[in-house]
């Protein structure tokens, strides 16, 4: 009994929506008269010349380029012969 009214309402809604309605036929309107265009008219006067526009703003700076290729290695140097190079010891940090 609790759900009988709800079930009855749902069944009646489905039954009523399944009925076929009569299709309404509307008679077609009579065809309208088609207007035929006449001959072309004379050409109009030329327009006024346009004003020159202002110069645009400067563009943004481009991105930095990539590093170039490594150069060719140089020739091996000559030996020093009798030359002595003295490298001093660095001072200790205090």
Protein backbone atom coordinates (compact mmCIF):
# COMPACT_ATOMS: atom_id res chain seq x y z
CA UNK A 1 0.00 0.00 0.00
CA UNK A 2 2.94 2.23 0.69
CA UNK A 3 4.17 2.29 -2.93
CA UNK A 4 0.94 1.53 -4.76
CA UNK A 5 0.09 5.18 -5.48
CA UNK A 6 3.61 5.89 -6.76
CA UNK A 7 3.58 2.79 -8.98
CA UNK A 8 0.12 3.64 -10.30
CA UNK A 9 1.22 7.20 -11.15
CA UNK A 10 4.32 5.93 -12.95
CA UNK A 11 2.35 3.34 -14.96
CA UNK A 12 -0.31 5.88 -15.94
CA UNK A 13 2.36 8.38 -17.03
CA UNK A 14 4.00 5.75 -19.22
CA UNK A 15 0.67 4.62 -20.66
CA UNK A 16 -0.46 8.16 -21.51
CA UNK A 17 2.86 9.10 -23.07
CA UNK A 18 2.76 6.04 -25.32
CA UNK A 19 -0.46 7.16 -27.04
CA UNK A 20 -0.07 8.34 -30.62
CA UNK A 21 -1.10 11.93 -31.18
CA UNK A 22 -2.82 13.08 -34.34
CA UNK A 23 -0.49 14.74 -36.83
CA UNK A 24 -1.42 18.32 -37.70
CA UNK A 25 -1.17 19.03 -41.42
CA UNK A 26 -0.56 22.64 -42.40
CA UNK A 27 -1.30 23.53 -46.03
CA UNK A 28 1.64 24.93 -47.98
CA UNK A 29 1.70 28.68 -48.64
CA UNK A 30 1.30 29.80 -52.26
CA UNK A 31 4.62 30.53 -54.00
CA UNK A 32 5.75 34.15 -53.73
CA UNK A 33 6.50 36.22 -56.81
CA UNK A 34 10.20 36.26 -57.61
CA UNK A 35 11.66 39.70 -58.32
CA UNK A 36 13.90 39.84 -61.38
CA UNK A 37 16.82 42.30 -61.07
CA UNK A 38 17.11 45.09 -63.59
CA UNK A 39 20.21 46.33 -65.42
CA UNK A 40 23.24 47.53 -63.47
CA UNK A 41 23.50 51.23 -62.64
CA UNK A 42 26.42 53.58 -63.37
CA UNK A 43 29.67 53.19 -61.44
CA UNK A 44 30.08 55.38 -58.37
CA UNK A 45 32.75 58.03 -57.78
CA UNK A 46 36.15 56.89 -56.46
CA UNK A 47 36.73 57.16 -52.72
CA UNK A 48 39.07 59.57 -50.95
CA UNK A 49 42.72 58.47 -50.50
CA UNK A 50 43.55 56.90 -47.16
CA UNK A 51 45.86 58.50 -44.60
CA UNK A 52 49.27 56.93 -43.99
CA UNK A 53 49.44 55.01 -40.70
CA UNK A 54 51.96 55.59 -37.93
CA UNK A 55 55.20 53.59 -37.73
CA UNK A 56 54.93 50.52 -35.51
CA UNK A 57 56.80 50.00 -32.25
CA UNK A 58 60.20 48.27 -32.15
CA UNK A 59 60.04 44.51 -31.69
CA UNK A 60 61.40 42.58 -28.73
CA UNK A 61 65.06 41.51 -28.55
CA UNK A 62 65.67 37.97 -29.76
CA UNK A 63 66.84 35.07 -27.63
CA UNK A 64 70.55 34.44 -27.00
CA UNK A 65 72.20 32.16 -29.53
CA UNK A 66 73.85 28.83 -28.85
CA UNK A 67 77.59 28.43 -28.19
CA UNK A 68 79.74 27.96 -31.29
CA UNK A 69 81.75 24.90 -32.18
CA UNK A 70 85.19 24.34 -30.63
CA UNK A 71 88.10 25.62 -32.68
CA UNK A 72 91.01 23.67 -34.18
CA UNK A 73 93.75 22.60 -31.76
CA UNK A 74 97.08 24.40 -32.09
CA UNK A 75 100.51 22.89 -32.80
CA UNK A 76 102.54 21.49 -29.93
CA UNK A 77 104.94 24.05 -28.45
CA UNK A 78 108.74 23.83 -28.49
CA UNK A 79 110.60 22.62 -25.42
CA UNK A 80 112.07 25.23 -23.11
CA UNK A 81 115.60 23.89 -23.28
CA UNK A 82 117.53 25.30 -20.26
CA UNK A 83 114.62 27.36 -18.94
CA UNK A 84 113.59 26.68 -15.32
CA UNK A 85 110.13 27.66 -14.08
CA UNK A 86 109.74 28.24 -10.33
CA UNK A 87 106.22 28.05 -8.92
CA UNK A 88 105.92 29.50 -5.41
CA UNK A 89 104.00 27.62 -2.70
CA UNK A 90 100.70 29.40 -1.87
CA UNK A 91 100.51 31.06 1.57
CA UNK A 92 98.47 29.12 4.18
CA UNK A 93 95.01 30.49 5.07
CA UNK A 94 94.81 32.11 8.48
